[in-house]
Amino acid sequence: MELGLREAKKQETRQLISDHATRLFLEQGFEETTIAQVATAARVAKKTVTNYFARKEDLVLDHQDEFVATLADAVKSREPGESALAALRRAFEAAVAAKDPVIGFAGLEFSRMIAESPTLSACLRGLHQRRERALAEALADAVGSPRTDITVRTAAAVLGAVHHSLFQRIEELTLAGRPVDEVAETVAAEAARAFDLLEPSLGSYAVA
């Protein structure tokens, strides 16, 4: 019981720091805000902030592991007879319907903050690369090939690129001030065309 309360307190402190950091970043800009300012706003020591968040950008992109795992998880959870492409397509369609922030539905202010920060933009590019590598590992396991197999790497690169492009499209439309429902409708139609392009080459790849 005590351990549960301690863990709950840690989560509460982590969320408190994250909330204050996000508010300051939106008000002042990411590059202009310091860790010391975040600590003061959250009424904790600076060291407490860095204990919970090793880098300043982790305060913004604080669901990195979830993001990196999304494509690999979709492949791992594909249904019997379903290809990797079909599973990824199904997962993306569900994420668009839910307007999931993980695929880019982060809102205008948050999206602008990312776009205006060289540090956050670079971090996000790195997360897309990590996500592609995780996808390649999942595909290799799915087809029983070595993780160095060029076919696996190529498939992961192509599938990862489509998702990256769609993420950027959501961000682009959001920054243009389009209503979220319109963004979802537009991207759903464009995603269908994008995935259709891959059907001839990957429609029967990594079938469960």
C-alpha atoms as a PDB file:
ATOM      1  CA  MET A   1       0.000   0.000   0.000  1.00  0.00           C
ATOM      2  CA  GLU A   2       2.849   2.354   0.960  1.00  0.00           C
ATOM      3  CA  LEU A   3       4.689   1.555  -2.288  1.00  0.00           C
ATOM      4  CA  GLY A   4       1.539   2.324  -4.245  1.00  0.00           C
ATOM      5  CA  LEU A   5       1.164   5.687  -2.530  1.00  0.00           C
ATOM      6  CA  ARG A   6       4.827   6.484  -3.121  1.00  0.00           C
ATOM      7  CA  GLU A   7       4.531   5.653  -6.809  1.00  0.00           C
ATOM      8  CA  ALA A   8       1.345   7.705  -7.082  1.00  0.00           C
ATOM      9  CA  LYS A   9       3.146  10.657  -5.486  1.00  0.00           C
ATOM     10  CA  LYS A  10       5.975  10.334  -7.998  1.00  0.00           C
ATOM     11  CA  GLN A  11       3.532  10.311 -10.885  1.00  0.00           C
ATOM     12  CA  GLU A  12       1.751  13.327  -9.421  1.00  0.00           C
ATOM     13  CA  THR A  13       5.032  15.238  -9.130  1.00  0.00           C
ATOM     14  CA  ARG A  14       6.059  14.264 -12.650  1.00  0.00           C
ATOM     15  CA  GLN A  15       2.741  15.435 -14.068  1.00  0.00           C
ATOM     16  CA  LEU A  16       2.919  18.680 -12.091  1.00  0.00           C
ATOM     17  CA  ILE A  17       6.360  19.464 -13.503  1.00  0.00           C
ATOM     18  CA  SER A  18       5.250  18.553 -17.022  1.00  0.00           C
ATOM     19  CA  ASP A  19       2.130  20.730 -16.802  1.00  0.00           C
ATOM     20  CA  HIS A  20       4.030  23.791 -15.612  1.00  0.00           C
ATOM     21  CA  ALA A  21       6.757  23.238 -18.200  1.00  0.00           C
ATOM     22  CA  THR A  22       4.232  23.012 -21.032  1.00  0.00           C
ATOM     23  CA  ARG A  23       2.521  26.209 -19.867  1.00  0.00           C
ATOM     24  CA  LEU A  24       5.821  28.107 -19.749  1.00  0.00           C
ATOM     25  CA  PHE A  25       6.980  26.747 -23.097  1.00  0.00           C
ATOM     26  CA  LEU A  26       3.736  27.839 -24.741  1.00  0.00           C
ATOM     27  CA  GLU A  27       3.891  31.274 -23.135  1.00  0.00           C
ATOM     28  CA  GLN A  28       7.591  32.026 -23.591  1.00  0.00           C
ATOM     29  CA  GLY A  29       8.851  29.576 -26.210  1.00  0.00           C
ATOM     30  CA  PHE A  30      10.823  26.407 -25.634  1.00  0.00           C
ATOM     31  CA  GLU A  31      14.279  27.824 -26.309  1.00  0.00           C
ATOM     32  CA  GLU A  32      13.661  30.838 -24.053  1.00  0.00           C
ATOM     33  CA  THR A  33      12.455  28.860 -21.032  1.00  0.00           C
ATOM     34  CA  THR A  34      14.978  27.472 -18.550  1.00  0.00           C
ATOM     35  CA  ILE A  35      14.856  24.427 -16.306  1.00  0.00           C
ATOM     36  CA  ALA A  36      15.224  26.782 -13.334  1.00  0.00           C
ATOM     37  CA  GLN A  37      12.052  28.609 -14.362  1.00  0.00           C
ATOM     38  CA  VAL A  38      10.185  25.304 -14.645  1.00  0.00           C
ATOM     39  CA  ALA A  39      11.394  24.287 -11.182  1.00  0.00           C
ATOM     40  CA  THR A  40      10.281  27.593  -9.684  1.00  0.00           C
ATOM     41  CA  ALA A  41       6.845  27.350 -11.298  1.00  0.00           C
ATOM     42  CA  ALA A  42       6.377  23.781 -10.047  1.00  0.00           C
ATOM     43  CA  ARG A  43       7.803  24.665  -6.616  1.00  0.00           C
ATOM     44  CA  VAL A  44      10.405  21.938  -6.710  1.00  0.00           C
ATOM     45  CA  ALA A  45      14.192  21.906  -6.791  1.00  0.00           C
ATOM     46  CA  LYS A  46      15.937  22.141 -10.157  1.00  0.00           C
ATOM     47  CA  LYS A  47      17.500  18.733  -9.462  1.00  0.00           C
ATOM     48  CA  THR A  48      14.005  17.276  -9.009  1.00  0.00           C
ATOM     49  CA  VAL A  49      13.106  18.370 -12.528  1.00  0.00           C
ATOM     50  CA  THR A  50      16.219  16.765 -14.011  1.00  0.00           C
ATOM     51  CA  ASN A  51      15.653  13.599 -11.998  1.00  0.00           C
ATOM     52  CA  TYR A  52      12.287  13.157 -13.699  1.00  0.00           C
ATOM     53  CA  PHE A  53      13.290  14.571 -17.096  1.00  0.00           C
ATOM     54  CA  ALA A  54      16.912  14.082 -18.157  1.00  0.00           C
ATOM     55  CA  ARG A  55      16.697  16.618 -21.011  1.00  0.00           C
ATOM     56  CA  LYS A  56      14.628  19.764 -21.389  1.00  0.00           C
ATOM     57  CA  GLU A  57      13.004  18.412 -24.550  1.00  0.00           C
ATOM     58  CA  ASP A  58      11.775  15.399 -22.550  1.00  0.00           C
ATOM     59  CA  LEU A  59       9.449  17.805 -20.749  1.00  0.00           C
ATOM     60  CA  VAL A  60       7.649  18.383 -24.050  1.00  0.00           C
ATOM     61  CA  LEU A  61       7.978  15.026 -25.778  1.00  0.00           C
ATOM     62  CA  ASP A  62       7.315  12.965 -22.680  1.00  0.00           C
ATOM     63  CA  HIS A  63       5.696   9.968 -24.385  1.00  0.00           C
ATOM     64  CA  GLN A  64       8.696   9.092 -26.519  1.00  0.00           C
ATOM     65  CA  ASP A  65       8.724   5.351 -25.853  1.00  0.00           C
ATOM     66  CA  GLU A  66       5.045   5.108 -26.761  1.00  0.00           C
ATOM     67  CA  PHE A  67       5.656   6.980 -30.027  1.00  0.00           C
ATOM     68  CA  VAL A  68       8.677   4.862 -30.972  1.00  0.00           C
ATOM     69  CA  ALA A  69       6.776   1.624 -30.356  1.00  0.00           C
ATOM     70  CA  THR A  70       3.577   2.453 -32.252  1.00  0.00           C
ATOM     71  CA  LEU A  71       4.434   0.962 -35.662  1.00  0.00           C
ATOM     72  CA  ALA A  72       6.211  -2.066 -34.234  1.00  0.00           C
ATOM     73  CA  ASP A  73       3.266  -2.741 -31.925  1.00  0.00           C
ATOM     74  CA  ALA A  74       0.848  -2.606 -34.864  1.00  0.00           C
ATOM     75  CA  VAL A  75       2.891  -5.253 -36.678  1.00  0.00           C
ATOM     76  CA  LYS A  76       3.147  -7.436 -33.591  1.00  0.00           C
ATOM     77  CA  SER A  77      -0.623  -7.284 -33.027  1.00  0.00           C
ATOM     78  CA  ARG A  78      -1.695  -7.992 -36.618  1.00  0.00           C
ATOM     79  CA  GLU A  79      -4.583 -10.423 -36.982  1.00  0.00           C
ATOM     80  CA  PRO A  80      -4.361 -13.884 -38.596  1.00  0.00           C
ATOM     81  CA  GLY A  81      -3.995 -13.494 -42.351  1.00  0.00           C
ATOM     82  CA  GLU A  82      -3.276  -9.780 -42.035  1.00  0.00           C
ATOM     83  CA  SER A  83      -0.155  -8.279 -43.601  1.00  0.00           C
ATOM     84  CA  ALA A  84       2.077  -5.726 -41.891  1.00  0.00           C
ATOM     85  CA  LEU A  85       0.800  -3.063 -44.285  1.00  0.00           C
ATOM     86  CA  ALA A  86      -2.835  -3.892 -43.548  1.00  0.00           C
ATOM     87  CA  ALA A  87      -2.206  -3.828 -39.801  1.00  0.00           C
ATOM     88  CA  LEU A  88      -0.419  -0.490 -40.001  1.00  0.00           C
ATOM     89  CA  ARG A  89      -3.162   0.930 -42.173  1.00  0.00           C
ATOM     90  CA  ARG A  90      -5.849  -0.227 -39.765  1.00  0.00           C
ATOM     91  CA  ALA A  91      -3.981   1.245 -36.795  1.00  0.00           C
ATOM     92  CA  PHE A  92      -3.482   4.576 -38.552  1.00  0.00           C
ATOM     93  CA  GLU A  93      -7.145   4.817 -39.542  1.00  0.00           C
ATOM     94  CA  ALA A  94      -8.148   4.211 -35.915  1.00  0.00           C
ATOM     95  CA  ALA A  95      -5.671   6.856 -34.728  1.00  0.00           C
ATOM     96  CA  VAL A  96      -7.066   9.415 -37.191  1.00  0.00           C
ATOM     97  CA  ALA A  97     -10.601   8.669 -36.043  1.00  0.00           C
ATOM     98  CA  ALA A  98      -9.473   9.196 -32.438  1.00  0.00           C
ATOM     99  CA  LYS A  99      -7.457  12.313 -33.399  1.00  0.00           C
ATOM    100  CA  ASP A 100      -4.569  10.789 -31.490  1.00  0.00           C
ATOM    101  CA  PRO A 101      -1.775  13.236 -30.531  1.00  0.00           C
ATOM    102  CA  VAL A 102       0.753  10.436 -31.145  1.00  0.00           C
ATOM    103  CA  ILE A 103       0.197  10.712 -34.913  1.00  0.00           C
ATOM    104  CA  GLY A 104       0.296  14.506 -34.904  1.00  0.00           C
ATOM    105  CA  PHE A 105      -3.023  15.810 -33.563  1.00  0.00           C
ATOM    106  CA  ALA A 106      -1.323  18.004 -30.972  1.00  0.00           C
ATOM    107  CA  GLY A 107      -3.258  21.248 -31.439  1.00  0.00           C
ATOM    108  CA  LEU A 108      -2.181  24.552 -32.948  1.00  0.00           C
ATOM    109  CA  GLU A 109      -0.218  26.023 -30.027  1.00  0.00           C
ATOM    110  CA  PHE A 110       1.714  22.836 -29.311  1.00  0.00           C
ATOM    111  CA  SER A 111       2.444  22.201 -32.993  1.00  0.00           C
ATOM    112  CA  ARG A 112       3.666  25.777 -33.427  1.00  0.00           C
ATOM    113  CA  MET A 113       5.952  25.425 -30.407  1.00  0.00           C
ATOM    114  CA  ILE A 114       7.543  22.318 -31.934  1.00  0.00           C
ATOM    115  CA  ALA A 115       7.899  23.899 -35.376  1.00  0.00           C
ATOM    116  CA  GLU A 116       9.503  27.061 -33.999  1.00  0.00           C
ATOM    117  CA  SER A 117      12.080  25.217 -31.891  1.00  0.00           C
ATOM    118  CA  PRO A 118      15.190  23.821 -33.660  1.00  0.00           C
ATOM    119  CA  THR A 119      15.858  21.614 -30.636  1.00  0.00           C
ATOM    120  CA  LEU A 120      12.385  20.068 -30.558  1.00  0.00           C
ATOM    121  CA  SER A 121      12.258  19.667 -34.345  1.00  0.00           C
ATOM    122  CA  ALA A 122      15.572  17.789 -34.274  1.00  0.00           C
ATOM    123  CA  CYS A 123      14.375  15.633 -31.386  1.00  0.00           C
ATOM    124  CA  LEU A 124      11.192  14.767 -33.269  1.00  0.00           C
ATOM    125  CA  ARG A 125      13.182  13.737 -36.360  1.00  0.00           C
ATOM    126  CA  GLY A 126      15.235  11.470 -34.136  1.00  0.00           C
ATOM    127  CA  LEU A 127      12.071   9.877 -32.762  1.00  0.00           C
ATOM    128  CA  HIS A 128      10.859   9.117 -36.286  1.00  0.00           C
ATOM    129  CA  GLN A 129      14.202   7.417 -36.995  1.00  0.00           C
ATOM    130  CA  ARG A 130      13.987   5.389 -33.792  1.00  0.00           C
ATOM    131  CA  ARG A 131      10.428   4.390 -34.692  1.00  0.00           C
ATOM    132  CA  GLU A 132      11.576   3.143 -38.093  1.00  0.00           C
ATOM    133  CA  ARG A 133      14.342   1.056 -36.490  1.00  0.00           C
ATOM    134  CA  ALA A 134      11.854  -0.470 -34.044  1.00  0.00           C
ATOM    135  CA  LEU A 135       9.566  -1.268 -36.978  1.00  0.00           C
ATOM    136  CA  ALA A 136      12.438  -2.944 -38.836  1.00  0.00           C
ATOM    137  CA  GLU A 137      13.111  -5.166 -35.831  1.00  0.00           C
ATOM    138  CA  ALA A 138       9.441  -6.129 -35.602  1.00  0.00           C
ATOM    139  CA  LEU A 139       9.308  -6.929 -39.328  1.00  0.00           C
ATOM    140  CA  ALA A 140      12.465  -9.024 -39.109  1.00  0.00           C
ATOM    141  CA  ASP A 141      10.954 -11.053 -36.293  1.00  0.00           C
ATOM    142  CA  ALA A 142       7.682 -11.359 -38.202  1.00  0.00           C
ATOM    143  CA  VAL A 143       9.273 -12.840 -41.334  1.00  0.00           C
ATOM    144  CA  GLY A 144      12.069 -14.726 -39.595  1.00  0.00           C
ATOM    145  CA  SER A 145      14.871 -12.758 -41.221  1.00  0.00           C
ATOM    146  CA  PRO A 146      18.029 -11.252 -39.735  1.00  0.00           C
ATOM    147  CA  ARG A 147      17.657  -7.649 -38.683  1.00  0.00           C
ATOM    148  CA  THR A 148      20.391  -6.791 -41.184  1.00  0.00           C
ATOM    149  CA  ASP A 149      18.256  -8.065 -44.094  1.00  0.00           C
ATOM    150  CA  ILE A 150      18.022  -5.310 -46.720  1.00  0.00           C
ATOM    151  CA  THR A 151      14.460  -6.330 -47.618  1.00  0.00           C
ATOM    152  CA  VAL A 152      13.368  -5.820 -44.024  1.00  0.00           C
ATOM    153  CA  ARG A 153      15.157  -2.498 -43.800  1.00  0.00           C
ATOM    154  CA  THR A 154      13.673  -1.329 -47.091  1.00  0.00           C
ATOM    155  CA  ALA A 155      10.147  -2.287 -46.064  1.00  0.00           C
ATOM    156  CA  ALA A 156      10.570  -0.491 -42.749  1.00  0.00           C
ATOM    157  CA  ALA A 157      11.986   2.588 -44.487  1.00  0.00           C
ATOM    158  CA  VAL A 158       9.051   2.764 -46.908  1.00  0.00           C
ATOM    159  CA  LEU A 159       6.402   2.166 -44.247  1.00  0.00           C
ATOM    160  CA  GLY A 160       8.095   4.551 -41.848  1.00  0.00           C
ATOM    161  CA  ALA A 161       8.314   7.239 -44.543  1.00  0.00           C
ATOM    162  CA  VAL A 162       4.569   7.078 -45.217  1.00  0.00           C
ATOM    163  CA  HIS A 163       3.801   7.552 -41.539  1.00  0.00           C
ATOM    164  CA  HIS A 164       6.336  10.373 -41.269  1.00  0.00           C
ATOM    165  CA  SER A 165       4.801  12.111 -44.281  1.00  0.00           C
ATOM    166  CA  LEU A 166       1.318  11.799 -42.828  1.00  0.00           C
ATOM    167  CA  PHE A 167       2.535  13.139 -39.481  1.00  0.00           C
ATOM    168  CA  GLN A 168       4.002  16.153 -41.276  1.00  0.00           C
ATOM    169  CA  ARG A 169       0.768  16.611 -43.219  1.00  0.00           C
ATOM    170  CA  ILE A 170      -1.264  16.735 -40.010  1.00  0.00           C
ATOM    171  CA  GLU A 171       1.196  19.256 -38.591  1.00  0.00           C
ATOM    172  CA  GLU A 172       1.057  21.336 -41.794  1.00  0.00           C
ATOM    173  CA  LEU A 173      -2.726  21.504 -41.819  1.00  0.00           C
ATOM    174  CA  THR A 174      -2.831  22.247 -38.096  1.00  0.00           C
ATOM    175  CA  LEU A 175      -0.348  25.108 -38.442  1.00  0.00           C
ATOM    176  CA  ALA A 176      -2.466  26.471 -41.291  1.00  0.00           C
ATOM    177  CA  GLY A 177      -5.295  26.856 -38.787  1.00  0.00           C
ATOM    178  CA  ARG A 178      -7.576  24.173 -40.221  1.00  0.00           C
ATOM    179  CA  PRO A 179     -10.250  22.821 -37.818  1.00  0.00           C
ATOM    180  CA  VAL A 180      -9.313  19.468 -36.342  1.00  0.00           C
ATOM    181  CA  ASP A 181     -12.277  17.666 -37.931  1.00  0.00           C
ATOM    182  CA  GLU A 182     -11.262  18.982 -41.340  1.00  0.00           C
ATOM    183  CA  VAL A 183      -7.669  17.891 -40.750  1.00  0.00           C
ATOM    184  CA  ALA A 184      -8.840  14.396 -39.853  1.00  0.00           C
ATOM    185  CA  GLU A 185     -11.097  14.153 -42.893  1.00  0.00           C
ATOM    186  CA  THR A 186      -8.375  15.390 -45.247  1.00  0.00           C
ATOM    187  CA  VAL A 187      -5.681  13.137 -43.837  1.00  0.00           C
ATOM    188  CA  ALA A 188      -7.938  10.083 -43.824  1.00  0.00           C
ATOM    189  CA  ALA A 189      -8.486  10.475 -47.570  1.00  0.00           C
ATOM    190  CA  GLU A 190      -4.819  11.196 -48.277  1.00  0.00           C
ATOM    191  CA  ALA A 191      -3.665   8.282 -46.131  1.00  0.00           C
ATOM    192  CA  ALA A 192      -5.875   5.929 -48.122  1.00  0.00           C
ATOM    193  CA  ARG A 193      -4.132   7.013 -51.318  1.00  0.00           C
ATOM    194  CA  ALA A 194      -0.718   6.732 -49.730  1.00  0.00           C
ATOM    195  CA  PHE A 195      -1.306   3.215 -48.418  1.00  0.00           C
ATOM    196  CA  ASP A 196      -2.839   2.181 -51.738  1.00  0.00           C
ATOM    197  CA  LEU A 197       0.476   3.031 -53.429  1.00  0.00           C
ATOM    198  CA  LEU A 198       2.212   0.429 -51.283  1.00  0.00           C
ATOM    199  CA  GLU A 199      -0.221  -2.411 -51.900  1.00  0.00           C
ATOM    200  CA  PRO A 200       1.486  -3.825 -55.043  1.00  0.00           C
ATOM    201  CA  SER A 201       4.855  -4.187 -53.297  1.00  0.00           C
ATOM    202  CA  LEU A 202       3.960  -4.779 -49.631  1.00  0.00           C
ATOM    203  CA  GLY A 203       0.360  -5.989 -49.643  1.00  0.00           C
ATOM    204  CA  SER A 204       1.410  -9.583 -49.009  1.00  0.00           C
ATOM    205  CA  TYR A 205       4.513  -8.927 -46.928  1.00  0.00           C
ATOM    206  CA  ALA A 206       4.784 -10.202 -43.344  1.00  0.00           C
ATOM    207  CA  VAL A 207       1.384 -11.867 -43.272  1.00  0.00           C
ATOM    208  CA  ALA A 208       0.491 -13.271 -39.862  1.00  0.00           C
END
